[in-house]
Amino acid sequence: MLYIMNYDTDEHEYMELKSQFHAERKFDRFMDEINAKVEARYGLGVNDLADFDFYSYYDEGVEEGTQGWKYMVDSLFEDFCYNMDSEYFCGY
């Protein structure tokens, strides 16, 4: 006997929202790591400093806790610091 499952629209919408929520939380955790590094170095959070394109460094396909994740965080932090140091301190 063959049963065909009807994929309910509400269930589909729920799964899309759940996936979106997971992706947003993952980006939040990425930003939490960056913010902790920025606060340790500058004493201020990323929201207190000039705008920076954090999202362009983020790759949804990279899993947390991997070397790729560490590289993504470290490379963003390095570029962010270079940008902040040259913009605010100008070598003084």
N, C-alpha and C. Protein backbone atom coordinates (compact mmCIF):
# COMPACT_ATOMS: atom_id res chain seq x y z
N MET A 1 0.83 -1.16 0.00
CA MET A 1 0.00 0.00 0.00
C MET A 1 0.89 1.24 0.00
N LEU A 2 0.59 2.18 -0.83
CA LEU A 2 1.38 3.40 -0.99
C LEU A 2 0.61 4.57 -0.40
N TYR A 3 1.25 5.25 0.50
CA TYR A 3 0.63 6.44 1.10
C TYR A 3 1.37 7.67 0.58
N ILE A 4 0.63 8.62 0.14
CA ILE A 4 1.22 9.88 -0.33
C ILE A 4 0.92 10.93 0.74
N MET A 5 1.99 11.54 1.19
CA MET A 5 1.85 12.54 2.23
C MET A 5 1.61 13.90 1.60
N ASN A 6 0.61 14.60 2.05
CA ASN A 6 0.31 15.94 1.59
C ASN A 6 1.08 16.90 2.49
N TYR A 7 2.00 17.62 1.89
CA TYR A 7 2.82 18.56 2.65
C TYR A 7 2.01 19.81 2.92
N ASP A 8 1.61 20.00 4.13
CA ASP A 8 0.75 21.10 4.53
C ASP A 8 1.47 22.45 4.39
N THR A 9 0.77 23.44 3.89
CA THR A 9 1.35 24.77 3.69
C THR A 9 1.79 25.38 5.02
N ASP A 10 0.98 25.20 6.06
CA ASP A 10 1.35 25.75 7.37
C ASP A 10 2.64 25.12 7.89
N GLU A 11 2.77 23.84 7.70
CA GLU A 11 3.99 23.15 8.14
C GLU A 11 5.19 23.66 7.35
N HIS A 12 5.01 23.87 6.07
CA HIS A 12 6.08 24.39 5.22
C HIS A 12 6.50 25.79 5.69
N GLU A 13 5.54 26.66 5.98
CA GLU A 13 5.84 28.00 6.45
C GLU A 13 6.55 27.95 7.80
N TYR A 14 6.11 27.04 8.66
CA TYR A 14 6.75 26.89 9.97
C TYR A 14 8.22 26.49 9.82
N MET A 15 8.48 25.54 8.93
CA MET A 15 9.85 25.08 8.72
C MET A 15 10.72 26.19 8.13
N GLU A 16 10.16 27.00 7.25
CA GLU A 16 10.91 28.13 6.70
C GLU A 16 11.26 29.14 7.80
N LEU A 17 10.29 29.46 8.65
CA LEU A 17 10.54 30.39 9.75
C LEU A 17 11.56 29.82 10.73
N LYS A 18 11.47 28.54 11.01
CA LYS A 18 12.43 27.89 11.91
C LYS A 18 13.84 27.96 11.32
N SER A 19 13.96 27.72 10.04
CA SER A 19 15.25 27.79 9.37
C SER A 19 15.81 29.21 9.38
N GLN A 20 14.93 30.17 9.14
CA GLN A 20 15.35 31.58 9.15
C GLN A 20 15.81 31.98 10.55
N PHE A 21 15.07 31.54 11.57
CA PHE A 21 15.44 31.84 12.95
C PHE A 21 16.80 31.26 13.29
N HIS A 22 17.04 30.01 12.86
CA HIS A 22 18.33 29.37 13.11
C HIS A 22 19.46 30.16 12.44
N ALA A 23 19.24 30.59 11.22
CA ALA A 23 20.26 31.35 10.49
C ALA A 23 20.54 32.68 11.18
N GLU A 24 19.49 33.34 11.66
CA GLU A 24 19.67 34.62 12.35
C GLU A 24 20.40 34.43 13.67
N ARG A 25 20.09 33.37 14.40
CA ARG A 25 20.78 33.10 15.66
C ARG A 25 22.26 32.79 15.41
N LYS A 26 22.54 32.09 14.34
CA LYS A 26 23.93 31.76 14.01
C LYS A 26 24.71 33.04 13.72
N PHE A 27 24.11 33.96 12.97
CA PHE A 27 24.76 35.25 12.71
C PHE A 27 24.93 36.03 14.01
N ASP A 28 23.94 35.96 14.89
CA ASP A 28 24.06 36.64 16.19
C ASP A 28 25.23 36.08 16.99
N ARG A 29 25.42 34.78 16.97
CA ARG A 29 26.55 34.17 17.69
C ARG A 29 27.88 34.60 17.06
N PHE A 30 27.90 34.71 15.74
CA PHE A 30 29.08 35.21 15.03
C PHE A 30 29.39 36.63 15.51
N MET A 31 28.38 37.47 15.56
CA MET A 31 28.57 38.85 15.99
C MET A 31 28.94 38.93 17.47
N ASP A 32 28.44 38.02 18.28
CA ASP A 32 28.81 37.99 19.70
C ASP A 32 30.31 37.74 19.85
N GLU A 33 30.85 36.85 19.05
CA GLU A 33 32.30 36.59 19.11
C GLU A 33 33.10 37.81 18.68
N ILE A 34 32.65 38.46 17.62
CA ILE A 34 33.33 39.67 17.14
C ILE A 34 33.24 40.76 18.20
N ASN A 35 32.06 40.96 18.75
CA ASN A 35 31.86 42.01 19.75
C ASN A 35 32.73 41.78 20.97
N ALA A 36 32.88 40.54 21.41
CA ALA A 36 33.73 40.25 22.57
C ALA A 36 35.18 40.63 22.28
N LYS A 37 35.66 40.34 21.09
CA LYS A 37 37.03 40.70 20.72
C LYS A 37 37.19 42.22 20.64
N VAL A 38 36.20 42.89 20.07
CA VAL A 38 36.26 44.35 19.94
C VAL A 38 36.23 45.01 21.31
N GLU A 39 35.37 44.52 22.19
CA GLU A 39 35.29 45.08 23.55
C GLU A 39 36.60 44.87 24.31
N ALA A 40 37.23 43.72 24.12
CA ALA A 40 38.50 43.45 24.80
C ALA A 40 39.59 44.39 24.31
N ARG A 41 39.56 44.72 23.04
CA ARG A 41 40.62 45.57 22.49
C ARG A 41 40.35 47.06 22.69
N TYR A 42 39.12 47.50 22.46
CA TYR A 42 38.82 48.93 22.46
C TYR A 42 38.02 49.40 23.67
N GLY A 43 37.46 48.48 24.43
CA GLY A 43 36.64 48.88 25.57
C GLY A 43 35.24 49.34 25.17
N LEU A 44 34.91 49.20 23.91
CA LEU A 44 33.60 49.57 23.37
C LEU A 44 33.11 48.43 22.49
N GLY A 45 31.79 48.35 22.32
CA GLY A 45 31.23 47.34 21.44
C GLY A 45 31.15 47.81 20.00
N VAL A 46 30.84 46.91 19.11
CA VAL A 46 30.76 47.25 17.69
C VAL A 46 29.68 48.29 17.42
N ASN A 47 28.64 48.33 18.23
CA ASN A 47 27.58 49.32 18.03
C ASN A 47 28.00 50.72 18.44
N ASP A 48 29.09 50.82 19.21
CA ASP A 48 29.57 52.12 19.66
C ASP A 48 30.57 52.74 18.70
N LEU A 49 31.03 51.98 17.74
CA LEU A 49 32.06 52.45 16.81
C LEU A 49 31.45 52.66 15.42
N ALA A 50 32.27 53.09 14.51
CA ALA A 50 31.80 53.40 13.14
C ALA A 50 31.21 52.16 12.47
N ASP A 51 30.36 52.39 11.50
CA ASP A 51 29.73 51.31 10.75
C ASP A 51 30.78 50.48 10.01
N PHE A 52 30.49 49.19 9.93
CA PHE A 52 31.38 48.25 9.25
C PHE A 52 30.51 47.17 8.64
N ASP A 53 30.90 46.69 7.47
CA ASP A 53 30.10 45.68 6.77
C ASP A 53 30.43 44.28 7.29
N PHE A 54 29.87 43.93 8.44
CA PHE A 54 30.12 42.63 9.05
C PHE A 54 29.55 41.49 8.22
N TYR A 55 28.40 41.72 7.63
CA TYR A 55 27.71 40.63 6.94
C TYR A 55 28.49 40.11 5.73
N SER A 56 29.30 40.96 5.11
CA SER A 56 30.04 40.49 3.93
C SER A 56 31.10 39.45 4.31
N TYR A 57 31.49 39.40 5.57
CA TYR A 57 32.46 38.41 6.02
C TYR A 57 31.81 37.10 6.44
N TYR A 58 30.51 37.14 6.65
CA TYR A 58 29.78 35.99 7.18
C TYR A 58 29.38 35.03 6.06
N ASP A 59 29.59 33.74 6.30
CA ASP A 59 29.21 32.70 5.35
C ASP A 59 28.33 31.69 6.08
N GLU A 60 27.06 31.63 5.69
CA GLU A 60 26.11 30.73 6.36
C GLU A 60 26.53 29.27 6.31
N GLY A 61 27.30 28.90 5.30
CA GLY A 61 27.69 27.52 5.13
C GLY A 61 28.78 27.05 6.07
N VAL A 62 29.43 27.97 6.75
CA VAL A 62 30.50 27.61 7.67
C VAL A 62 29.90 27.23 9.02
N GLU A 63 30.28 26.07 9.51
CA GLU A 63 29.76 25.57 10.79
C GLU A 63 30.55 26.15 11.96
N GLU A 64 29.85 26.42 13.03
CA GLU A 64 30.49 26.91 14.25
C GLU A 64 31.46 25.88 14.80
N GLY A 65 32.54 26.37 15.38
CA GLY A 65 33.51 25.48 16.02
C GLY A 65 34.51 24.87 15.05
N THR A 66 34.45 25.22 13.79
CA THR A 66 35.39 24.68 12.81
C THR A 66 36.51 25.69 12.55
N GLN A 67 37.54 25.23 11.86
CA GLN A 67 38.63 26.13 11.47
C GLN A 67 38.10 27.24 10.56
N GLY A 68 37.14 26.91 9.72
CA GLY A 68 36.55 27.91 8.83
C GLY A 68 35.86 29.01 9.61
N TRP A 69 35.17 28.64 10.70
CA TRP A 69 34.50 29.62 11.55
C TRP A 69 35.53 30.52 12.22
N LYS A 70 36.59 29.91 12.76
CA LYS A 70 37.65 30.68 13.41
C LYS A 70 38.30 31.64 12.42
N TYR A 71 38.56 31.16 11.22
CA TYR A 71 39.17 32.02 10.19
C TYR A 71 38.23 33.18 9.85
N MET A 72 36.94 32.90 9.73
CA MET A 72 35.97 33.93 9.40
C MET A 72 35.95 35.01 10.48
N VAL A 73 35.93 34.60 11.74
CA VAL A 73 35.93 35.55 12.86
C VAL A 73 37.23 36.32 12.91
N ASP A 74 38.35 35.62 12.82
CA ASP A 74 39.66 36.27 12.93
C ASP A 74 39.94 37.24 11.78
N SER A 75 39.56 36.87 10.56
CA SER A 75 39.82 37.76 9.43
C SER A 75 38.95 39.01 9.51
N LEU A 76 37.71 38.86 9.94
CA LEU A 76 36.87 40.04 10.12
C LEU A 76 37.46 40.95 11.20
N PHE A 77 37.83 40.35 12.33
CA PHE A 77 38.38 41.14 13.43
C PHE A 77 39.65 41.88 13.01
N GLU A 78 40.50 41.21 12.28
CA GLU A 78 41.74 41.84 11.81
C GLU A 78 41.44 43.04 10.91
N ASP A 79 40.54 42.86 9.96
CA ASP A 79 40.19 43.95 9.06
C ASP A 79 39.46 45.07 9.80
N PHE A 80 38.61 44.70 10.74
CA PHE A 80 37.91 45.70 11.54
C PHE A 80 38.90 46.54 12.32
N CYS A 81 39.87 45.90 12.96
CA CYS A 81 40.88 46.63 13.74
C CYS A 81 41.71 47.54 12.84
N TYR A 82 42.10 47.05 11.70
CA TYR A 82 42.86 47.87 10.76
C TYR A 82 42.06 49.11 10.39
N ASN A 83 40.78 48.92 10.11
CA ASN A 83 39.90 50.02 9.73
C ASN A 83 39.75 51.01 10.90
N MET A 84 39.53 50.50 12.09
CA MET A 84 39.33 51.36 13.26
C MET A 84 40.61 52.10 13.62
N ASP A 85 41.74 51.38 13.61
CA ASP A 85 43.01 52.01 13.98
C ASP A 85 43.38 53.12 13.01
N SER A 86 43.17 52.90 11.73
CA SER A 86 43.54 53.93 10.75
C SER A 86 42.53 55.08 10.76
N GLU A 87 41.28 54.79 11.07
CA GLU A 87 40.26 55.85 11.06
C GLU A 87 40.33 56.71 12.31
N TYR A 88 40.50 56.08 13.48
CA TYR A 88 40.42 56.83 14.72
C TYR A 88 41.77 57.27 15.28
N PHE A 89 42.79 56.48 15.07
CA PHE A 89 44.05 56.79 15.73
C PHE A 89 45.09 57.37 14.78
N CYS A 90 44.99 57.11 13.53
CA CYS A 90 45.84 57.69 12.49
C CYS A 90 47.32 57.68 12.87
N GLY A 91 47.72 56.64 13.58
CA GLY A 91 49.14 56.48 13.92
C GLY A 91 49.60 57.29 15.09
N TYR A 92 48.73 57.97 15.79
CA TYR A 92 49.16 58.80 16.93
C TYR A 92 49.30 57.95 18.16
